[in-house]
Amino acid sequence: NVFCKDRETPLMIGSVKSNIGHAEPASGFGQIAKVKQ
């Protein structure tokens, strides 16, 4: 609803949980580490 309406190029979407699982309260920092290394 926010990013993909009238969008000209595809938006890639992922989740680090597919690689390392869900670290629950600490999961957000796994996402930062994945995206920015």
Full PDB file with SEQRES, HELIX, SHEET, SSBOND, CRYST1, ORIGX, SCALE, CONECT and MASTER records, all heavy atoms in Angstrom:
SEQRES   1 A   37  ASN VAL PHE CYS LYS ASP ARG GLU THR PRO LEU MET ILE          
SEQRES   2 A   37  GLY SER VAL LYS SER ASN ILE GLY HIS ALA GLU PRO ALA          
SEQRES   3 A   37  SER GLY PHE GLY GLN ILE ALA LYS VAL LYS GLN                  
HELIX    1 AA1 LYS A   17  ILE A   20  1                                   4    
HELIX    2 AA2 GLU A   24  ALA A   26  5                                   3    
HELIX    3 AA3 SER A   27  LYS A   36  1                                  10    
CRYST1    1.000    1.000    1.000  90.00  90.00  90.00 P 1           1          
ORIGX1      1.000000  0.000000  0.000000        0.00000                         
ORIGX2      0.000000  1.000000  0.000000        0.00000                         
ORIGX3      0.000000  0.000000  1.000000        0.00000                         
SCALE1      1.000000  0.000000  0.000000        0.00000                         
SCALE2      0.000000  1.000000  0.000000        0.00000                         
SCALE3      0.000000  0.000000  1.000000        0.00000                         
ATOM      1  N   ASN A   1       0.813  -1.214   0.000  1.00  0.00           N  
ATOM      2  CA  ASN A   1       0.000   0.000   0.000  1.00  0.00           C  
ATOM      3  C   ASN A   1       0.848   1.267   0.000  1.00  0.00           C  
ATOM      4  O   ASN A   1       0.479   2.274  -0.614  1.00  0.00           O  
ATOM      5  CB  ASN A   1      -0.928   0.008   1.219  1.00  0.00           C  
ATOM      6  CG  ASN A   1      -2.025  -1.037   1.121  1.00  0.00           C  
ATOM      7  OD1 ASN A   1      -2.407  -1.440   0.023  1.00  0.00           O  
ATOM      8  ND2 ASN A   1      -2.517  -1.497   2.266  1.00  0.00           N  
ATOM      9  N   VAL A   2       1.996   1.224   0.672  1.00  0.00           N  
ATOM     10  CA  VAL A   2       2.816   2.433   0.818  1.00  0.00           C  
ATOM     11  C   VAL A   2       3.847   2.565  -0.296  1.00  0.00           C  
ATOM     12  O   VAL A   2       4.108   3.668  -0.788  1.00  0.00           O  
ATOM     13  CB  VAL A   2       3.516   2.446   2.192  1.00  0.00           C  
ATOM     14  CG1 VAL A   2       4.435   3.652   2.322  1.00  0.00           C  
ATOM     15  CG2 VAL A   2       2.489   2.443   3.321  1.00  0.00           C  
ATOM     16  N   PHE A   3       4.449   1.445  -0.732  1.00  0.00           N  
ATOM     17  CA  PHE A   3       5.597   1.525  -1.634  1.00  0.00           C  
ATOM     18  C   PHE A   3       5.335   1.069  -3.074  1.00  0.00           C  
ATOM     19  O   PHE A   3       6.090   1.441  -3.972  1.00  0.00           O  
ATOM     20  CB  PHE A   3       6.753   0.685  -1.080  1.00  0.00           C  
ATOM     21  CG  PHE A   3       7.250   1.130   0.254  1.00  0.00           C  
ATOM     22  CD1 PHE A   3       6.972   0.386   1.390  1.00  0.00           C  
ATOM     23  CD2 PHE A   3       7.991   2.290   0.390  1.00  0.00           C  
ATOM     24  CE1 PHE A   3       7.425   0.786   2.634  1.00  0.00           C  
ATOM     25  CE2 PHE A   3       8.454   2.697   1.630  1.00  0.00           C  
ATOM     26  CZ  PHE A   3       8.168   1.954   2.756  1.00  0.00           C  
ATOM     27  N   CYS A   4       4.331   0.266  -3.283  1.00  0.00           N  
ATOM     28  CA  CYS A   4       4.245  -0.425  -4.568  1.00  0.00           C  
ATOM     29  C   CYS A   4       3.156   0.077  -5.508  1.00  0.00           C  
ATOM     30  O   CYS A   4       3.113  -0.342  -6.668  1.00  0.00           O  
ATOM     31  CB  CYS A   4       4.064  -1.923  -4.329  1.00  0.00           C  
ATOM     32  SG  CYS A   4       5.446  -2.669  -3.439  1.00  0.00           S  
ATOM     33  N   LYS A   5       2.293   0.945  -5.072  1.00  0.00           N  
ATOM     34  CA  LYS A   5       1.277   1.484  -5.972  1.00  0.00           C  
ATOM     35  C   LYS A   5       1.912   2.520  -6.899  1.00  0.00           C  
ATOM     36  O   LYS A   5       2.619   3.425  -6.454  1.00  0.00           O  
ATOM     37  CB  LYS A   5       0.141   2.106  -5.162  1.00  0.00           C  
ATOM     38  CG  LYS A   5      -0.694   1.076  -4.404  1.00  0.00           C  
ATOM     39  CD  LYS A   5      -1.840   1.720  -3.659  1.00  0.00           C  
ATOM     40  CE  LYS A   5      -2.701   0.665  -2.968  1.00  0.00           C  
ATOM     41  NZ  LYS A   5      -3.826   1.274  -2.209  1.00  0.00           N  
ATOM     42  N   ASP A   6       1.665   2.366  -8.188  1.00  0.00           N  
ATOM     43  CA  ASP A   6       2.217   3.261  -9.218  1.00  0.00           C  
ATOM     44  C   ASP A   6       3.742   3.234  -9.239  1.00  0.00           C  
ATOM     45  O   ASP A   6       4.383   4.208  -9.647  1.00  0.00           O  
ATOM     46  CB  ASP A   6       1.739   4.709  -8.994  1.00  0.00           C  
ATOM     47  CG  ASP A   6       0.225   4.825  -9.007  1.00  0.00           C  
ATOM     48  OD1 ASP A   6      -0.410   4.167  -9.850  1.00  0.00           O  
ATOM     49  OD2 ASP A   6      -0.320   5.577  -8.174  1.00  0.00           O  
ATOM     50  N   ARG A   7       4.332   2.160  -8.807  1.00  0.00           N  
ATOM     51  CA  ARG A   7       5.782   2.029  -8.827  1.00  0.00           C  
ATOM     52  C   ARG A   7       6.243   1.505 -10.176  1.00  0.00           C  
ATOM     53  O   ARG A   7       5.658   0.567 -10.723  1.00  0.00           O  
ATOM     54  CB  ARG A   7       6.229   1.083  -7.699  1.00  0.00           C  
ATOM     55  CG  ARG A   7       7.731   0.988  -7.534  1.00  0.00           C  
ATOM     56  CD  ARG A   7       8.098   0.038  -6.401  1.00  0.00           C  
ATOM     57  NE  ARG A   7       9.533  -0.079  -6.277  1.00  0.00           N  
ATOM     58  CZ  ARG A   7      10.280   0.717  -5.514  1.00  0.00           C  
ATOM     59  NH1 ARG A   7       9.707   1.659  -4.816  1.00  0.00           N  
ATOM     60  NH2 ARG A   7      11.584   0.552  -5.468  1.00  0.00           N  
ATOM     61  N   GLU A   8       7.303   2.091 -10.729  1.00  0.00           N  
ATOM     62  CA  GLU A   8       7.776   1.718 -12.060  1.00  0.00           C  
ATOM     63  C   GLU A   8       8.778   0.571 -12.022  1.00  0.00           C  
ATOM     64  O   GLU A   8       8.942  -0.151 -13.007  1.00  0.00           O  
ATOM     65  CB  GLU A   8       8.398   2.932 -12.747  1.00  0.00           C  
ATOM     66  CG  GLU A   8       7.388   4.061 -13.010  1.00  0.00           C  
ATOM     67  CD  GLU A   8       8.025   5.234 -13.720  1.00  0.00           C  
ATOM     68  OE1 GLU A   8       9.260   5.171 -13.962  1.00  0.00           O  
ATOM     69  OE2 GLU A   8       7.314   6.201 -14.025  1.00  0.00           O  
ATOM     70  N   THR A   9       9.483   0.400 -10.903  1.00  0.00           N  
ATOM     71  CA  THR A   9      10.473  -0.673 -10.782  1.00  0.00           C  
ATOM     72  C   THR A   9      10.098  -1.589  -9.624  1.00  0.00           C  
ATOM     73  O   THR A   9       9.472  -1.149  -8.649  1.00  0.00           O  
ATOM     74  CB  THR A   9      11.882  -0.101 -10.539  1.00  0.00           C  
ATOM     75  OG1 THR A   9      11.863   0.710  -9.348  1.00  0.00           O  
ATOM     76  CG2 THR A   9      12.335   0.747 -11.714  1.00  0.00           C  
ATOM     77  N   PRO A  10      10.481  -2.857  -9.689  1.00  0.00           N  
ATOM     78  CA  PRO A  10      10.140  -3.791  -8.600  1.00  0.00           C  
ATOM     79  C   PRO A  10      10.812  -3.384  -7.289  1.00  0.00           C  
ATOM     80  O   PRO A  10      11.916  -2.831  -7.287  1.00  0.00           O  
ATOM     81  CB  PRO A  10      10.684  -5.131  -9.101  1.00  0.00           C  
ATOM     82  CG  PRO A  10      10.844  -4.965 -10.573  1.00  0.00           C  
ATOM     83  CD  PRO A  10      11.174  -3.528 -10.793  1.00  0.00           C  
ATOM     84  N   LEU A  11      10.144  -3.653  -6.186  1.00  0.00           N  
ATOM     85  CA  LEU A  11      10.720  -3.459  -4.853  1.00  0.00           C  
ATOM     86  C   LEU A  11      11.096  -4.823  -4.297  1.00  0.00           C  
ATOM     87  O   LEU A  11      10.237  -5.680  -4.095  1.00  0.00           O  
ATOM     88  CB  LEU A  11       9.722  -2.775  -3.915  1.00  0.00           C  
ATOM     89  CG  LEU A  11      10.161  -2.613  -2.462  1.00  0.00           C  
ATOM     90  CD1 LEU A  11      11.371  -1.684  -2.355  1.00  0.00           C  
ATOM     91  CD2 LEU A  11       9.014  -2.118  -1.588  1.00  0.00           C  
ATOM     92  N   MET A  12      12.381  -5.025  -4.080  1.00  0.00           N  
ATOM     93  CA  MET A  12      12.836  -6.290  -3.506  1.00  0.00           C  
ATOM     94  C   MET A  12      12.541  -6.310  -2.009  1.00  0.00           C  
ATOM     95  O   MET A  12      12.745  -5.310  -1.318  1.00  0.00           O  
ATOM     96  CB  MET A  12      14.326  -6.480  -3.762  1.00  0.00           C  
ATOM     97  CG  MET A  12      14.680  -6.649  -5.221  1.00  0.00           C  
ATOM     98  SD  MET A  12      16.446  -6.938  -5.485  1.00  0.00           S  
ATOM     99  CE  MET A  12      17.093  -5.307  -5.090  1.00  0.00           C  
ATOM    100  N   ILE A  13      12.070  -7.430  -1.505  1.00  0.00           N  
ATOM    101  CA  ILE A  13      11.697  -7.585  -0.098  1.00  0.00           C  
ATOM    102  C   ILE A  13      12.342  -8.859   0.435  1.00  0.00           C  
ATOM    103  O   ILE A  13      12.347  -9.889  -0.233  1.00  0.00           O  
ATOM    104  CB  ILE A  13      10.169  -7.672   0.076  1.00  0.00           C  
ATOM    105  CG1 ILE A  13       9.488  -6.419  -0.494  1.00  0.00           C  
ATOM    106  CG2 ILE A  13       9.799  -7.837   1.544  1.00  0.00           C  
ATOM    107  CD1 ILE A  13       7.986  -6.523  -0.531  1.00  0.00           C  
ATOM    108  N   GLY A  14      12.877  -8.790   1.637  1.00  0.00           N  
ATOM    109  CA  GLY A  14      13.472  -9.973   2.245  1.00  0.00           C  
ATOM    110  C   GLY A  14      13.401  -9.916   3.757  1.00  0.00           C  
ATOM    111  O   GLY A  14      12.970  -8.917   4.341  1.00  0.00           O  
ATOM    112  N   SER A  15      13.828 -10.985   4.383  1.00  0.00           N  
ATOM    113  CA  SER A  15      13.892 -11.064   5.842  1.00  0.00           C  
ATOM    114  C   SER A  15      15.058 -11.955   6.235  1.00  0.00           C  
ATOM    115  O   SER A  15      15.162 -13.088   5.760  1.00  0.00           O  
ATOM    116  CB  SER A  15      12.591 -11.626   6.427  1.00  0.00           C  
ATOM    117  OG  SER A  15      12.735 -11.905   7.804  1.00  0.00           O  
ATOM    118  N   VAL A  16      15.917 -11.447   7.099  1.00  0.00           N  
ATOM    119  CA  VAL A  16      17.090 -12.211   7.534  1.00  0.00           C  
ATOM    120  C   VAL A  16      16.689 -13.487   8.275  1.00  0.00           C  
ATOM    121  O   VAL A  16      17.482 -14.415   8.404  1.00  0.00           O  
ATOM    122  CB  VAL A  16      18.003 -11.328   8.410  1.00  0.00           C  
ATOM    123  CG1 VAL A  16      17.375 -11.103   9.788  1.00  0.00           C  
ATOM    124  CG2 VAL A  16      19.395 -11.937   8.541  1.00  0.00           C  
ATOM    125  N   LYS A  17      15.468 -13.568   8.721  1.00  0.00           N  
ATOM    126  CA  LYS A  17      15.006 -14.751   9.456  1.00  0.00           C  
ATOM    127  C   LYS A  17      15.015 -16.011   8.596  1.00  0.00           C  
ATOM    128  O   LYS A  17      15.034 -17.117   9.119  1.00  0.00           O  
ATOM    129  CB  LYS A  17      13.615 -14.483  10.033  1.00  0.00           C  
ATOM    130  CG  LYS A  17      13.604 -13.354  11.052  1.00  0.00           C  
ATOM    131  CD  LYS A  17      12.200 -13.006  11.505  1.00  0.00           C  
ATOM    132  CE  LYS A  17      12.212 -11.796  12.423  1.00  0.00           C  
ATOM    133  NZ  LYS A  17      12.653 -10.567  11.742  1.00  0.00           N  
ATOM    134  N   SER A  18      14.990 -15.836   7.272  1.00  0.00           N  
ATOM    135  CA  SER A  18      15.081 -17.006   6.397  1.00  0.00           C  
ATOM    136  C   SER A  18      16.473 -17.634   6.449  1.00  0.00           C  
ATOM    137  O   SER A  18      16.650 -18.788   6.065  1.00  0.00           O  
ATOM    138  CB  SER A  18      14.751 -16.613   4.953  1.00  0.00           C  
ATOM    139  OG  SER A  18      15.699 -15.679   4.461  1.00  0.00           O  
ATOM    140  N   ASN A  19      17.463 -16.880   6.945  1.00  0.00           N  
ATOM    141  CA  ASN A  19      18.835 -17.378   7.045  1.00  0.00           C  
ATOM    142  C   ASN A  19      19.214 -17.803   8.461  1.00  0.00           C  
ATOM    143  O   ASN A  19      19.871 -18.825   8.649  1.00  0.00           O  
ATOM    144  CB  ASN A  19      19.829 -16.312   6.577  1.00  0.00           C  
ATOM    145  CG  ASN A  19      19.596 -15.876   5.152  1.00  0.00           C  
ATOM    146  OD1 ASN A  19      18.966 -14.854   4.913  1.00  0.00           O  
ATOM    147  ND2 ASN A  19      20.085 -16.654   4.204  1.00  0.00           N  
ATOM    148  N   ILE A  20      18.815 -17.002   9.453  1.00  0.00           N  
ATOM    149  CA  ILE A  20      19.287 -17.249  10.817  1.00  0.00           C  
ATOM    150  C   ILE A  20      18.166 -17.535  11.809  1.00  0.00           C  
ATOM    151  O   ILE A  20      18.445 -17.772  12.985  1.00  0.00           O  
ATOM    152  CB  ILE A  20      20.136 -16.063  11.335  1.00  0.00           C  
ATOM    153  CG1 ILE A  20      19.284 -14.789  11.438  1.00  0.00           C  
ATOM    154  CG2 ILE A  20      21.343 -15.842  10.434  1.00  0.00           C  
ATOM    155  CD1 ILE A  20      20.002 -13.627  12.109  1.00  0.00           C  
ATOM    156  N   GLY A  21      16.918 -17.491  11.362  1.00  0.00           N  
ATOM    157  CA  GLY A  21      15.822 -17.660  12.295  1.00  0.00           C  
ATOM    158  C   GLY A  21      15.450 -16.339  12.958  1.00  0.00           C  
ATOM    159  O   GLY A  21      15.962 -15.279  12.604  1.00  0.00           O  
ATOM    160  N   HIS A  22      14.574 -16.424  13.937  1.00  0.00           N  
ATOM    161  CA  HIS A  22      14.016 -15.236  14.589  1.00  0.00           C  
ATOM    162  C   HIS A  22      14.636 -15.071  15.972  1.00  0.00           C  
ATOM    163  O   HIS A  22      14.421 -15.892  16.865  1.00  0.00           O  
ATOM    164  CB  HIS A  22      12.498 -15.389  14.695  1.00  0.00           C  
ATOM    165  CG  HIS A  22      11.790 -14.171  15.180  1.00  0.00           C  
ATOM    166  ND1 HIS A  22      12.396 -12.941  15.323  1.00  0.00           N  
ATOM    167  CD2 HIS A  22      10.489 -13.994  15.571  1.00  0.00           C  
ATOM    168  CE1 HIS A  22      11.519 -12.068  15.767  1.00  0.00           C  
ATOM    169  NE2 HIS A  22      10.355 -12.683  15.925  1.00  0.00           N  
ATOM    170  N   ALA A  23      15.402 -14.012  16.145  1.00  0.00           N  
ATOM    171  CA  ALA A  23      16.043 -13.740  17.440  1.00  0.00           C  
ATOM    172  C   ALA A  23      15.158 -12.913  18.358  1.00  0.00           C  
ATOM    173  O   ALA A  23      15.651 -12.337  19.334  1.00  0.00           O  
ATOM    174  CB  ALA A  23      17.383 -13.041  17.221  1.00  0.00           C  
ATOM    175  N   GLU A  24      13.892 -12.803  18.021  1.00  0.00           N  
ATOM    176  CA  GLU A  24      12.877 -12.168  18.860  1.00  0.00           C  
ATOM    177  C   GLU A  24      13.307 -10.766  19.330  1.00  0.00           C  
ATOM    178  O   GLU A  24      13.414  -9.873  18.477  1.00  0.00           O  
ATOM    179  CB  GLU A  24      12.496 -13.133  19.988  1.00  0.00           C  
ATOM    180  CG  GLU A  24      11.775 -14.360  19.422  1.00  0.00           C  
ATOM    181  CD  GLU A  24      11.930 -15.618  20.254  1.00  0.00           C  
ATOM    182  OE1 GLU A  24      12.585 -15.591  21.298  1.00  0.00           O  
ATOM    183  OE2 GLU A  24      11.404 -16.670  19.838  1.00  0.00           O  
ATOM    184  N   PRO A  25      13.594 -10.491  20.612  1.00  0.00           N  
ATOM    185  CA  PRO A  25      13.896  -9.098  20.998  1.00  0.00           C  
ATOM    186  C   PRO A  25      15.133  -8.519  20.333  1.00  0.00           C  
ATOM    187  O   PRO A  25      15.262  -7.301  20.214  1.00  0.00           O  
ATOM    188  CB  PRO A  25      14.077  -9.188  22.516  1.00  0.00           C  
ATOM    189  CG  PRO A  25      14.427 -10.609  22.784  1.00  0.00           C  
ATOM    190  CD  PRO A  25      13.657 -11.393  21.776  1.00  0.00           C  
ATOM    191  N   ALA A  26      16.061  -9.358  19.876  1.00  0.00           N  
ATOM    192  CA  ALA A  26      17.289  -8.881  19.239  1.00  0.00           C  
ATOM    193  C   ALA A  26      17.233  -8.956  17.717  1.00  0.00           C  
ATOM    194  O   ALA A  26      18.225  -8.681  17.046  1.00  0.00           O  
ATOM    195  CB  ALA A  26      18.485  -9.687  19.750  1.00  0.00           C  
ATOM    196  N   SER A  27      16.091  -9.297  17.160  1.00  0.00           N  
ATOM    197  CA  SER A  27      16.014  -9.566  15.721  1.00  0.00           C  
ATOM    198  C   SER A  27      16.287  -8.338  14.871  1.00  0.00           C  
ATOM    199  O   SER A  27      16.803  -8.446  13.756  1.00  0.00           O  
ATOM    200  CB  SER A  27      14.639 -10.144  15.372  1.00  0.00           C  
ATOM    201  OG  SER A  27      13.602  -9.242  15.723  1.00  0.00           O  
ATOM    202  N   GLY A  28      15.938  -7.149  15.367  1.00  0.00           N  
ATOM    203  CA  GLY A  28      16.134  -5.931  14.590  1.00  0.00           C  
ATOM    204  C   GLY A  28      17.583  -5.675  14.226  1.00  0.00           C  
ATOM    205  O   GLY A  28      17.885  -5.174  13.137  1.00  0.00           O  
ATOM    206  N   PHE A  29      18.497  -6.041  15.111  1.00  0.00           N  
ATOM    207  CA  PHE A  29      19.916  -5.792  14.836  1.00  0.00           C  
ATOM    208  C   PHE A  29      20.477  -6.797  13.837  1.00  0.00           C  
ATOM    209  O   PHE A  29      21.436  -6.510  13.130  1.00  0.00           O  
ATOM    210  CB  PHE A  29      20.717  -5.820  16.134  1.00  0.00           C  
ATOM    211  CG  PHE A  29      20.517  -4.588  16.977  1.00  0.00           C  
ATOM    212  CD1 PHE A  29      19.689  -3.564  16.564  1.00  0.00           C  
ATOM    213  CD2 PHE A  29      21.170  -4.452  18.190  1.00  0.00           C  
ATOM    214  CE1 PHE A  29      19.495  -2.431  17.337  1.00  0.00           C  
ATOM    215  CE2 PHE A  29      20.990  -3.322  18.965  1.00  0.00           C  
ATOM    216  CZ  PHE A  29      20.145  -2.307  18.536  1.00  0.00           C  
ATOM    217  N   GLY A  30      19.865  -7.987  13.769  1.00  0.00           N  
ATOM    218  CA  GLY A  30      20.230  -8.924  12.719  1.00  0.00           C  
ATOM    219  C   GLY A  30      19.866  -8.373  11.355  1.00  0.00           C  
ATOM    220  O   GLY A  30      20.590  -8.566  10.368  1.00  0.00           O  
ATOM    221  N   GLN A  31      18.746  -7.653  11.287  1.00  0.00           N  
ATOM    222  CA  GLN A  31      18.329  -7.028  10.035  1.00  0.00           C  
ATOM    223  C   GLN A  31      19.311  -5.935   9.617  1.00  0.00           C  
ATOM    224  O   GLN A  31      19.677  -5.829   8.443  1.00  0.00           O  
ATOM    225  CB  GLN A  31      16.922  -6.443  10.202  1.00  0.00           C  
ATOM    226  CG  GLN A  31      15.852  -7.498  10.441  1.00  0.00           C  
ATOM    227  CD  GLN A  31      14.526  -6.871  10.790  1.00  0.00           C  
ATOM    228  OE1 GLN A  31      14.371  -6.258  11.843  1.00  0.00           O  
ATOM    229  NE2 GLN A  31      13.555  -7.009   9.902  1.00  0.00           N  
ATOM    230  N   ILE A  32      19.756  -5.127  10.578  1.00  0.00           N  
ATOM    231  CA  ILE A  32      20.721  -4.073  10.270  1.00  0.00           C  
ATOM    232  C   ILE A  32      22.034  -4.674   9.789  1.00  0.00           C  
ATOM    233  O   ILE A  32      22.627  -4.220   8.809  1.00  0.00           O  
ATOM    234  CB  ILE A  32      20.956  -3.185  11.515  1.00  0.00           C  
ATOM    235  CG1 ILE A  32      19.686  -2.394  11.845  1.00  0.00           C  
ATOM    236  CG2 ILE A  32      22.127  -2.234  11.284  1.00  0.00           C  
ATOM    237  CD1 ILE A  32      19.786  -1.592  13.125  1.00  0.00           C  
ATOM    238  N   ALA A  33      22.488  -5.718  10.472  1.00  0.00           N  
ATOM    239  CA  ALA A  33      23.747  -6.362  10.090  1.00  0.00           C  
ATOM    240  C   ALA A  33      23.665  -6.945   8.679  1.00  0.00           C  
ATOM    241  O   ALA A  33      24.622  -6.871   7.909  1.00  0.00           O  
ATOM    242  CB  ALA A  33      24.102  -7.451  11.093  1.00  0.00           C  
ATOM    243  N   LYS A  34      22.513  -7.513   8.346  1.00  0.00           N  
ATOM    244  CA  LYS A  34      22.344  -8.088   7.007  1.00  0.00           C  
ATOM    245  C   LYS A  34      22.399  -7.012   5.930  1.00  0.00           C  
ATOM    246  O   LYS A  34      23.118  -7.147   4.938  1.00  0.00           O  
ATOM    247  CB  LYS A  34      21.015  -8.832   6.925  1.00  0.00           C  
ATOM    248  CG  LYS A  34      20.668  -9.276   5.500  1.00  0.00           C  
ATOM    249  CD  LYS A  34      19.237  -9.763   5.397  1.00  0.00           C  
ATOM    250  CE  LYS A  34      18.847  -9.973   3.934  1.00  0.00           C  
ATOM    251  NZ  LYS A  34      17.447 -10.415   3.797  1.00  0.00           N  
ATOM    252  N   VAL A  35      21.634  -5.940   6.121  1.00  0.00           N  
ATOM    253  CA  VAL A  35      21.502  -4.935   5.071  1.00  0.00           C  
ATOM    254  C   VAL A  35      22.771  -4.098   4.914  1.00  0.00           C  
ATOM    255  O   VAL A  35      23.220  -3.820   3.815  1.00  0.00           O  
ATOM    256  CB  VAL A  35      20.294  -4.025   5.349  1.00  0.00           C  
ATOM    257  CG1 VAL A  35      20.213  -2.900   4.338  1.00  0.00           C  
ATOM    258  CG2 VAL A  35      19.005  -4.839   5.323  1.00  0.00           C  
ATOM    259  N   LYS A  36      23.367  -3.725   6.008  1.00  0.00           N  
ATOM    260  CA  LYS A  36      24.505  -2.820   5.948  1.00  0.00           C  
ATOM    261  C   LYS A  36      25.852  -3.504   6.146  1.00  0.00           C  
ATOM    262  O   LYS A  36      26.888  -2.929   5.841  1.00  0.00           O  
ATOM    263  CB  LYS A  36      24.348  -1.722   7.012  1.00  0.00           C  
ATOM    264  CG  LYS A  36      23.182  -0.789   6.737  1.00  0.00           C  
ATOM    265  CD  LYS A  36      23.367  -0.052   5.425  1.00  0.00           C  
ATOM    266  CE  LYS A  36      22.236   0.935   5.195  1.00  0.00           C  
ATOM    267  NZ  LYS A  36      22.365   1.634   3.910  1.00  0.00           N  
ATOM    268  N   GLN A  37      25.834  -4.686   6.707  1.00  0.00           N  
ATOM    269  CA  GLN A  37      27.071  -5.399   7.011  1.00  0.00           C  
ATOM    270  C   GLN A  37      28.016  -4.494   7.809  1.00  0.00           C  
ATOM    271  O   GLN A  37      29.184  -4.276   7.460  1.00  0.00           O  
ATOM    272  CB  GLN A  37      27.755  -5.877   5.730  1.00  0.00           C  
ATOM    273  CG  GLN A  37      26.927  -6.866   4.948  1.00  0.00           C  
ATOM    274  CD  GLN A  37      27.606  -7.356   3.689  1.00  0.00           C  
ATOM    275  OE1 GLN A  37      28.715  -6.967   3.377  1.00  0.00           O  
ATOM    276  NE2 GLN A  37      26.936  -8.216   2.965  1.00  0.00           N  
TER     277      GLN A  37                                                      
MASTER        0    0    0    3    0    0    0    6  276    1    0    3          
END                                                                             
